[in-house]
Amino acid sequence: MNLKIAVRELTIHFGTCRALDNLSLDIHKNELLSIIGPANSGKTSFLRALNRLNDFELEMRMSGSILLDGKNINQDMEAEDLRKKVGMIFALPIPLPLSIYDNVIYGPKMAGVRDKKVLDDLVEESLKSAYLWDEVKDRLRSSALNLSGGQQQRLCIARTLALKPDVILYDEPCSGLDPISTAKVEESMTELKKDHTIVLVTNNTKQAARVGTRTAFFLMGELIEIDSTDKIFTAPSDPRTNDYIIGRFG
């Protein structure tokens, strides 16, 4: 498989707290990497490092390197350019107080796209990829704030897709969703990995097992193991991984 992201000896501190300790792993092109682990294991800190959102933390210190397509994201790329390539979906959907249509085109318009036909096609394509088009195609000019929570989350996915990212990061995207909405988000993720590299942080081990190509287990800021999802959930190499999966802690 082609290497998309190479993480080497990544250590992150927030003040005196060490969030990640000497973490190294590879993320392959067009895979869906699930990351599991208990609270305070460094999962979200790792995810936010991949598109430099940790830069906004005043007391953040980082050592090691993250390479995207061979480029060091902290030395060879501007943060704004990086975030166009590496989009992020958060646990809480935050649609803009605009129409559904204007939510999707917000990023492309900020990037200078003005052609209405291009924008119209982008809206349809992005909403279809987020498995939302059929539910909203007849009310694109209505407020996004009138959508259900699950629909708002899929709209946020569409808004990210409209910028044509290479990598999509998901941070607990289904934590507040009902089972039907969760299934639609998971179906979307599975389809999107055909054209994107996806990294999913989830506290739901069953979700990780359902959608992950590979799964990584984090504990206390360390990578305990990473392997095919089938192996992690049936025959993990480390007993701590097994203890977490069967619910002995976490």
C-alpha atoms as a PDB file:
ATOM      1  CA  MET A   1       0.000   0.000   0.000  1.00  0.00           C
ATOM      2  CA  ASN A   2       1.134   3.552  -0.682  1.00  0.00           C
ATOM      3  CA  LEU A   3       2.287   5.556   2.306  1.00  0.00           C
ATOM      4  CA  LYS A   4       0.189   8.688   2.850  1.00  0.00           C
ATOM      5  CA  ILE A   5       1.248   9.883   6.316  1.00  0.00           C
ATOM      6  CA  ALA A   6       4.413   8.946   8.193  1.00  0.00           C
ATOM      7  CA  VAL A   7       4.548   9.801  11.896  1.00  0.00           C
ATOM      8  CA  ARG A   8       7.956   9.490  13.535  1.00  0.00           C
ATOM      9  CA  GLU A   9       8.824   9.812  17.248  1.00  0.00           C
ATOM     10  CA  LEU A  10       5.955  12.217  17.864  1.00  0.00           C
ATOM     11  CA  THR A  11       5.886  13.610  21.398  1.00  0.00           C
ATOM     12  CA  ILE A  12       3.406  16.304  22.444  1.00  0.00           C
ATOM     13  CA  HIS A  13       3.209  18.226  25.715  1.00  0.00           C
ATOM     14  CA  PHE A  14       0.548  20.674  26.849  1.00  0.00           C
ATOM     15  CA  GLY A  15       2.283  22.574  29.609  1.00  0.00           C
ATOM     16  CA  THR A  16       3.596  19.908  31.984  1.00  0.00           C
ATOM     17  CA  CYS A  17       1.186  17.238  30.697  1.00  0.00           C
ATOM     18  CA  ARG A  18       2.562  14.774  28.155  1.00  0.00           C
ATOM     19  CA  ALA A  19      -0.235  13.824  25.749  1.00  0.00           C
ATOM     20  CA  LEU A  20       1.802  11.650  23.362  1.00  0.00           C
ATOM     21  CA  ASP A  21       5.075   9.861  23.994  1.00  0.00           C
ATOM     22  CA  ASN A  22       7.443   8.949  21.143  1.00  0.00           C
ATOM     23  CA  LEU A  23       4.716   7.696  18.825  1.00  0.00           C
ATOM     24  CA  SER A  24       5.545   6.330  15.371  1.00  0.00           C
ATOM     25  CA  LEU A  25       3.144   4.865  12.819  1.00  0.00           C
ATOM     26  CA  ASP A  26       2.320   4.833   9.113  1.00  0.00           C
ATOM     27  CA  ILE A  27      -1.054   5.645   7.584  1.00  0.00           C
ATOM     28  CA  HIS A  28      -1.668   4.209   4.138  1.00  0.00           C
ATOM     29  CA  LYS A  29      -3.439   5.801   1.205  1.00  0.00           C
ATOM     30  CA  ASN A  30      -7.136   4.892   0.965  1.00  0.00           C
ATOM     31  CA  GLU A  31      -7.292   3.103   4.277  1.00  0.00           C
ATOM     32  CA  LEU A  32      -9.591   3.786   7.199  1.00  0.00           C
ATOM     33  CA  LEU A  33      -7.488   3.741  10.340  1.00  0.00           C
ATOM     34  CA  SER A  34      -9.534   3.443  13.533  1.00  0.00           C
ATOM     35  CA  ILE A  35      -7.919   4.682  16.739  1.00  0.00           C
ATOM     36  CA  ILE A  36      -9.268   3.356  20.025  1.00  0.00           C
ATOM     37  CA  GLY A  37      -8.278   3.761  23.652  1.00  0.00           C
ATOM     38  CA  PRO A  38      -9.617   5.065  26.969  1.00  0.00           C
ATOM     39  CA  ALA A  39      -9.954   8.729  27.887  1.00  0.00           C
ATOM     40  CA  ASN A  40      -6.672  10.657  28.126  1.00  0.00           C
ATOM     41  CA  SER A  41      -4.850   8.174  25.906  1.00  0.00           C
ATOM     42  CA  GLY A  42      -3.808  10.866  23.398  1.00  0.00           C
ATOM     43  CA  LYS A  43      -6.197   9.974  20.581  1.00  0.00           C
ATOM     44  CA  THR A  44      -7.566  13.447  19.907  1.00  0.00           C
ATOM     45  CA  SER A  45      -4.187  15.108  20.452  1.00  0.00           C
ATOM     46  CA  PHE A  46      -2.804  12.824  17.767  1.00  0.00           C
ATOM     47  CA  LEU A  47      -5.674  13.570  15.404  1.00  0.00           C
ATOM     48  CA  ARG A  48      -5.317  17.334  15.879  1.00  0.00           C
ATOM     49  CA  ALA A  49      -1.575  17.057  15.244  1.00  0.00           C
ATOM     50  CA  LEU A  50      -2.287  15.741  11.750  1.00  0.00           C
ATOM     51  CA  ASN A  51      -3.715  19.097  10.619  1.00  0.00           C
ATOM     52  CA  ARG A  52      -1.945  21.309  13.163  1.00  0.00           C
ATOM     53  CA  LEU A  53      -4.972  22.251  15.221  1.00  0.00           C
ATOM     54  CA  ASN A  54      -2.794  21.810  18.304  1.00  0.00           C
ATOM     55  CA  ASP A  55      -0.965  24.945  17.139  1.00  0.00           C
ATOM     56  CA  PHE A  56      -3.755  26.985  18.712  1.00  0.00           C
ATOM     57  CA  GLU A  57      -2.826  25.710  22.200  1.00  0.00           C
ATOM     58  CA  LEU A  58      -0.472  28.259  23.782  1.00  0.00           C
ATOM     59  CA  GLU A  59       1.514  25.783  25.892  1.00  0.00           C
ATOM     60  CA  MET A  60       1.816  23.058  23.275  1.00  0.00           C
ATOM     61  CA  ARG A  61       5.301  21.678  22.583  1.00  0.00           C
ATOM     62  CA  MET A  62       5.984  19.060  19.950  1.00  0.00           C
ATOM     63  CA  SER A  63       8.958  17.021  18.830  1.00  0.00           C
ATOM     64  CA  GLY A  64       9.244  14.409  16.124  1.00  0.00           C
ATOM     65  CA  SER A  65       7.849  14.685  12.613  1.00  0.00           C
ATOM     66  CA  ILE A  66       4.683  14.163  10.553  1.00  0.00           C
ATOM     67  CA  LEU A  67       5.129  13.734   6.809  1.00  0.00           C
ATOM     68  CA  LEU A  68       2.206  14.058   4.381  1.00  0.00           C
ATOM     69  CA  ASP A  69       3.140  12.734   0.946  1.00  0.00           C
ATOM     70  CA  GLY A  70       6.759  13.124   1.992  1.00  0.00           C
ATOM     71  CA  LYS A  71       6.429  16.759   3.137  1.00  0.00           C
ATOM     72  CA  ASN A  72       6.970  17.765   6.745  1.00  0.00           C
ATOM     73  CA  ILE A  73       3.657  19.411   7.673  1.00  0.00           C
ATOM     74  CA  ASN A  74       5.269  21.651  10.301  1.00  0.00           C
ATOM     75  CA  GLN A  75       8.219  22.823   8.196  1.00  0.00           C
ATOM     76  CA  ASP A  76       7.288  22.533   4.527  1.00  0.00           C
ATOM     77  CA  MET A  77       3.598  23.518   4.532  1.00  0.00           C
ATOM     78  CA  GLU A  78       1.514  26.494   5.606  1.00  0.00           C
ATOM     79  CA  ALA A  79      -1.204  25.513   8.087  1.00  0.00           C
ATOM     80  CA  GLU A  80      -3.940  26.883   5.828  1.00  0.00           C
ATOM     81  CA  ASP A  81      -2.745  24.802   2.872  1.00  0.00           C
ATOM     82  CA  LEU A  82      -2.462  21.734   5.088  1.00  0.00           C
ATOM     83  CA  ARG A  83      -6.040  22.061   6.334  1.00  0.00           C
ATOM     84  CA  LYS A  84      -7.340  22.121   2.769  1.00  0.00           C
ATOM     85  CA  LYS A  85      -5.692  18.752   2.250  1.00  0.00           C
ATOM     86  CA  VAL A  86      -6.552  17.362   5.693  1.00  0.00           C
ATOM     87  CA  GLY A  87     -10.145  18.087   6.702  1.00  0.00           C
ATOM     88  CA  MET A  88     -11.660  17.348  10.105  1.00  0.00           C
ATOM     89  CA  ILE A  89     -15.101  16.323  11.341  1.00  0.00           C
ATOM     90  CA  PHE A  90     -15.745  17.033  15.019  1.00  0.00           C
ATOM     91  CA  ALA A  91     -17.924  15.256  17.555  1.00  0.00           C
ATOM     92  CA  LEU A  92     -20.404  18.131  17.738  1.00  0.00           C
ATOM     93  CA  PRO A  93     -21.763  19.237  14.363  1.00  0.00           C
ATOM     94  CA  ILE A  94     -21.576  23.004  13.977  1.00  0.00           C
ATOM     95  CA  PRO A  95     -23.394  24.100  10.823  1.00  0.00           C
ATOM     96  CA  LEU A  96     -23.086  27.729   9.840  1.00  0.00           C
ATOM     97  CA  PRO A  97     -26.257  29.846  10.339  1.00  0.00           C
ATOM     98  CA  LEU A  98     -26.814  29.779   6.583  1.00  0.00           C
ATOM     99  CA  SER A  99     -28.749  27.683   4.090  1.00  0.00           C
ATOM    100  CA  ILE A 100     -27.767  24.084   3.405  1.00  0.00           C
ATOM    101  CA  TYR A 101     -26.446  25.177  -0.001  1.00  0.00           C
ATOM    102  CA  ASP A 102     -24.388  28.044   1.430  1.00  0.00           C
ATOM    103  CA  ASN A 103     -22.904  25.795   4.097  1.00  0.00           C
ATOM    104  CA  VAL A 104     -21.485  23.458   1.462  1.00  0.00           C
ATOM    105  CA  ILE A 105     -20.100  26.195  -0.807  1.00  0.00           C
ATOM    106  CA  TYR A 106     -18.684  28.316   2.007  1.00  0.00           C
ATOM    107  CA  GLY A 107     -15.165  26.859   1.797  1.00  0.00           C
ATOM    108  CA  PRO A 108     -14.909  26.820  -2.007  1.00  0.00           C
ATOM    109  CA  LYS A 109     -16.180  30.420  -2.212  1.00  0.00           C
ATOM    110  CA  MET A 110     -13.601  31.493   0.359  1.00  0.00           C
ATOM    111  CA  ALA A 111     -11.020  29.789  -1.871  1.00  0.00           C
ATOM    112  CA  GLY A 112     -12.173  31.888  -4.831  1.00  0.00           C
ATOM    113  CA  VAL A 113     -14.617  29.614  -6.685  1.00  0.00           C
ATOM    114  CA  ARG A 114     -17.381  31.765  -8.226  1.00  0.00           C
ATOM    115  CA  ASP A 115     -18.777  29.771 -11.169  1.00  0.00           C
ATOM    116  CA  LYS A 116     -22.386  28.876 -10.273  1.00  0.00           C
ATOM    117  CA  LYS A 117     -22.403  25.655 -12.322  1.00  0.00           C
ATOM    118  CA  VAL A 118     -19.223  24.510 -10.570  1.00  0.00           C
ATOM    119  CA  LEU A 119     -20.711  25.356  -7.167  1.00  0.00           C
ATOM    120  CA  ASP A 120     -24.021  23.649  -7.973  1.00  0.00           C
ATOM    121  CA  ASP A 121     -22.214  20.479  -9.043  1.00  0.00           C
ATOM    122  CA  LEU A 122     -20.023  20.625  -5.958  1.00  0.00           C
ATOM    123  CA  VAL A 123     -23.053  20.846  -3.663  1.00  0.00           C
ATOM    124  CA  GLU A 124     -24.721  17.841  -5.259  1.00  0.00           C
ATOM    125  CA  GLU A 125     -21.538  15.770  -5.345  1.00  0.00           C
ATOM    126  CA  SER A 126     -20.607  16.571  -1.736  1.00  0.00           C
ATOM    127  CA  LEU A 127     -24.093  15.948  -0.347  1.00  0.00           C
ATOM    128  CA  LYS A 128     -24.335  12.646  -2.215  1.00  0.00           C
ATOM    129  CA  SER A 129     -20.969  11.540  -0.845  1.00  0.00           C
ATOM    130  CA  ALA A 130     -22.172  12.427   2.669  1.00  0.00           C
ATOM    131  CA  TYR A 131     -25.373  10.411   2.105  1.00  0.00           C
ATOM    132  CA  LEU A 132     -27.547  13.498   2.588  1.00  0.00           C
ATOM    133  CA  TRP A 133     -28.573  14.563  -0.916  1.00  0.00           C
ATOM    134  CA  ASP A 134     -31.829  12.622  -1.145  1.00  0.00           C
ATOM    135  CA  GLU A 135     -33.031  14.075   2.160  1.00  0.00           C
ATOM    136  CA  VAL A 136     -32.334  17.746   1.378  1.00  0.00           C
ATOM    137  CA  LYS A 137     -32.228  18.181  -2.417  1.00  0.00           C
ATOM    138  CA  ASP A 138     -35.648  19.888  -2.431  1.00  0.00           C
ATOM    139  CA  ARG A 139     -34.795  22.359   0.352  1.00  0.00           C
ATOM    140  CA  LEU A 140     -31.240  23.443  -0.296  1.00  0.00           C
ATOM    141  CA  ARG A 141     -32.124  27.078   0.412  1.00  0.00           C
ATOM    142  CA  SER A 142     -33.615  26.339   3.842  1.00  0.00           C
ATOM    143  CA  SER A 143     -31.615  26.906   7.027  1.00  0.00           C
ATOM    144  CA  ALA A 144     -29.104  24.246   7.976  1.00  0.00           C
ATOM    145  CA  LEU A 145     -30.102  24.853  11.590  1.00  0.00           C
ATOM    146  CA  ASN A 146     -33.451  23.155  10.890  1.00  0.00           C
ATOM    147  CA  LEU A 147     -31.770  19.817  10.162  1.00  0.00           C
ATOM    148  CA  SER A 148     -31.686  17.006  12.696  1.00  0.00           C
ATOM    149  CA  GLY A 149     -28.453  16.325  14.574  1.00  0.00           C
ATOM    150  CA  GLY A 150     -27.574  13.429  12.303  1.00  0.00           C
ATOM    151  CA  GLN A 151     -28.280  15.480   9.199  1.00  0.00           C
ATOM    152  CA  GLN A 152     -26.200  18.366  10.544  1.00  0.00           C
ATOM    153  CA  GLN A 153     -23.254  16.010  11.051  1.00  0.00           C
ATOM    154  CA  ARG A 154     -23.543  14.734   7.490  1.00  0.00           C
ATOM    155  CA  LEU A 155     -23.786  18.348   6.285  1.00  0.00           C
ATOM    156  CA  CYS A 156     -20.515  19.083   8.078  1.00  0.00           C
ATOM    157  CA  ILE A 157     -19.010  16.085   6.281  1.00  0.00           C
ATOM    158  CA  ALA A 158     -20.278  17.474   2.956  1.00  0.00           C
ATOM    159  CA  ARG A 159     -18.850  20.905   3.811  1.00  0.00           C
ATOM    160  CA  THR A 160     -15.450  19.286   4.375  1.00  0.00           C
ATOM    161  CA  LEU A 161     -15.697  17.226   1.176  1.00  0.00           C
ATOM    162  CA  ALA A 162     -16.426  20.338  -0.876  1.00  0.00           C
ATOM    163  CA  LEU A 163     -12.806  21.409  -0.341  1.00  0.00           C
ATOM    164  CA  LYS A 164     -11.595  18.153  -1.944  1.00  0.00           C
ATOM    165  CA  PRO A 165      -9.318  17.006   0.903  1.00  0.00           C
ATOM    166  CA  ASP A 166      -6.964  14.067   0.520  1.00  0.00           C
ATOM    167  CA  VAL A 167      -7.345  13.051   4.159  1.00  0.00           C
ATOM    168  CA  ILE A 168     -10.418  13.218   6.408  1.00  0.00           C
ATOM    169  CA  LEU A 169     -10.092  13.119  10.190  1.00  0.00           C
ATOM    170  CA  TYR A 170     -13.108  12.081  12.278  1.00  0.00           C
ATOM    171  CA  ASP A 171     -13.138  12.829  16.011  1.00  0.00           C
ATOM    172  CA  GLU A 172     -15.984  10.857  17.607  1.00  0.00           C
ATOM    173  CA  PRO A 173     -18.335  11.778  14.731  1.00  0.00           C
ATOM    174  CA  CYS A 174     -21.221   9.639  15.967  1.00  0.00           C
ATOM    175  CA  SER A 175     -21.008  10.213  19.715  1.00  0.00           C
ATOM    176  CA  GLY A 176     -24.288  12.138  19.836  1.00  0.00           C
ATOM    177  CA  LEU A 177     -26.146  10.382  17.020  1.00  0.00           C
ATOM    178  CA  ASP A 178     -28.928   7.805  16.959  1.00  0.00           C
ATOM    179  CA  PRO A 179     -28.258   4.349  15.440  1.00  0.00           C
ATOM    180  CA  ILE A 180     -29.802   5.207  12.048  1.00  0.00           C
ATOM    181  CA  SER A 181     -27.726   8.370  11.651  1.00  0.00           C
ATOM    182  CA  THR A 182     -24.638   6.512  12.865  1.00  0.00           C
ATOM    183  CA  ALA A 183     -25.163   3.849  10.206  1.00  0.00           C
ATOM    184  CA  LYS A 184     -25.379   6.505   7.486  1.00  0.00           C
ATOM    185  CA  VAL A 185     -22.187   8.223   8.650  1.00  0.00           C
ATOM    186  CA  GLU A 186     -20.392   4.853   8.747  1.00  0.00           C
ATOM    187  CA  GLU A 187     -21.672   3.987   5.273  1.00  0.00           C
ATOM    188  CA  SER A 188     -20.386   7.322   4.028  1.00  0.00           C
ATOM    189  CA  MET A 189     -16.963   6.744   5.607  1.00  0.00           C
ATOM    190  CA  THR A 190     -16.678   3.293   4.054  1.00  0.00           C
ATOM    191  CA  GLU A 191     -17.480   4.692   0.619  1.00  0.00           C
ATOM    192  CA  LEU A 192     -15.192   7.710   1.009  1.00  0.00           C
ATOM    193  CA  LYS A 193     -12.097   5.627   1.688  1.00  0.00           C
ATOM    194  CA  LYS A 194     -12.118   4.638  -1.992  1.00  0.00           C
ATOM    195  CA  ASP A 195     -10.874   8.155  -2.788  1.00  0.00           C
ATOM    196  CA  HIS A 196      -9.629   9.452   0.572  1.00  0.00           C
ATOM    197  CA  THR A 197      -7.459   8.433   3.477  1.00  0.00           C
ATOM    198  CA  ILE A 198      -9.501   8.384   6.691  1.00  0.00           C
ATOM    199  CA  VAL A 199      -8.466   8.456  10.338  1.00  0.00           C
ATOM    200  CA  LEU A 200     -11.246   7.801  12.841  1.00  0.00           C
ATOM    201  CA  VAL A 201     -10.970   8.361  16.594  1.00  0.00           C
ATOM    202  CA  THR A 202     -13.769   6.554  18.383  1.00  0.00           C
ATOM    203  CA  ASN A 203     -14.626   5.347  21.867  1.00  0.00           C
ATOM    204  CA  ASN A 204     -17.025   2.867  20.277  1.00  0.00           C
ATOM    205  CA  THR A 205     -14.995  -0.290  19.756  1.00  0.00           C
ATOM    206  CA  LYS A 206     -17.834  -1.878  17.800  1.00  0.00           C
ATOM    207  CA  GLN A 207     -17.713   1.028  15.369  1.00  0.00           C
ATOM    208  CA  ALA A 208     -13.956   0.647  14.993  1.00  0.00           C
ATOM    209  CA  ALA A 209     -14.463  -3.053  14.281  1.00  0.00           C
ATOM    210  CA  ARG A 210     -17.169  -2.348  11.697  1.00  0.00           C
ATOM    211  CA  VAL A 211     -15.392   0.259   9.581  1.00  0.00           C
ATOM    212  CA  GLY A 212     -11.640   0.102  10.203  1.00  0.00           C
ATOM    213  CA  THR A 213      -9.169  -1.259   7.682  1.00  0.00           C
ATOM    214  CA  ARG A 214      -6.618  -1.244  10.490  1.00  0.00           C
ATOM    215  CA  THR A 215      -6.970  -0.324  14.151  1.00  0.00           C
ATOM    216  CA  ALA A 216      -4.490   1.309  16.538  1.00  0.00           C
ATOM    217  CA  PHE A 217      -4.777   1.064  20.317  1.00  0.00           C
ATOM    218  CA  PHE A 218      -3.510   4.038  22.343  1.00  0.00           C
ATOM    219  CA  LEU A 219      -2.960   3.986  26.106  1.00  0.00           C
ATOM    220  CA  MET A 220      -1.553   6.787  28.296  1.00  0.00           C
ATOM    221  CA  GLY A 221      -0.094   8.584  25.292  1.00  0.00           C
ATOM    222  CA  GLU A 222       1.600   5.525  23.826  1.00  0.00           C
ATOM    223  CA  LEU A 223       0.826   3.399  20.782  1.00  0.00           C
ATOM    224  CA  ILE A 224       0.408  -0.078  22.219  1.00  0.00           C
ATOM    225  CA  GLU A 225      -0.195  -1.817  18.902  1.00  0.00           C
ATOM    226  CA  ILE A 226      -1.509  -1.342  15.380  1.00  0.00           C
ATOM    227  CA  ASP A 227      -2.653  -4.113  13.072  1.00  0.00           C
ATOM    228  CA  SER A 228      -5.459  -5.227  10.792  1.00  0.00           C
ATOM    229  CA  THR A 229      -8.792  -4.639  12.457  1.00  0.00           C
ATOM    230  CA  ASP A 230      -9.640  -8.345  12.351  1.00  0.00           C
ATOM    231  CA  LYS A 231      -6.452  -9.231  14.212  1.00  0.00           C
ATOM    232  CA  ILE A 232      -6.804  -6.460  16.799  1.00  0.00           C
ATOM    233  CA  PHE A 233     -10.308  -7.629  17.681  1.00  0.00           C
ATOM    234  CA  THR A 234      -9.720 -11.396  17.546  1.00  0.00           C
ATOM    235  CA  ALA A 235      -6.061 -11.988  18.449  1.00  0.00           C
ATOM    236  CA  PRO A 236      -4.342  -8.805  19.710  1.00  0.00           C
ATOM    237  CA  SER A 237      -0.630  -9.081  20.460  1.00  0.00           C
ATOM    238  CA  ASP A 238      -0.741  -7.140  23.721  1.00  0.00           C
ATOM    239  CA  PRO A 239      -2.924  -8.253  26.661  1.00  0.00           C
ATOM    240  CA  ARG A 240      -3.746  -4.615  27.444  1.00  0.00           C
ATOM    241  CA  THR A 241      -5.445  -4.312  24.058  1.00  0.00           C
ATOM    242  CA  ASN A 242      -7.549  -7.355  24.774  1.00  0.00           C
ATOM    243  CA  ASP A 243      -8.408  -6.086  28.258  1.00  0.00           C
ATOM    244  CA  TYR A 244      -9.650  -2.807  26.803  1.00  0.00           C
ATOM    245  CA  ILE A 245     -11.684  -4.439  24.026  1.00  0.00           C
ATOM    246  CA  ILE A 246     -13.458  -6.831  26.403  1.00  0.00           C
ATOM    247  CA  GLY A 247     -14.206  -4.001  28.822  1.00  0.00           C
ATOM    248  CA  ARG A 248     -11.885  -4.689  31.749  1.00  0.00           C
ATOM    249  CA  PHE A 249     -10.996  -0.994  31.775  1.00  0.00           C
ATOM    250  CA  GLY A 250     -11.739   2.159  29.810  1.00  0.00           C
END
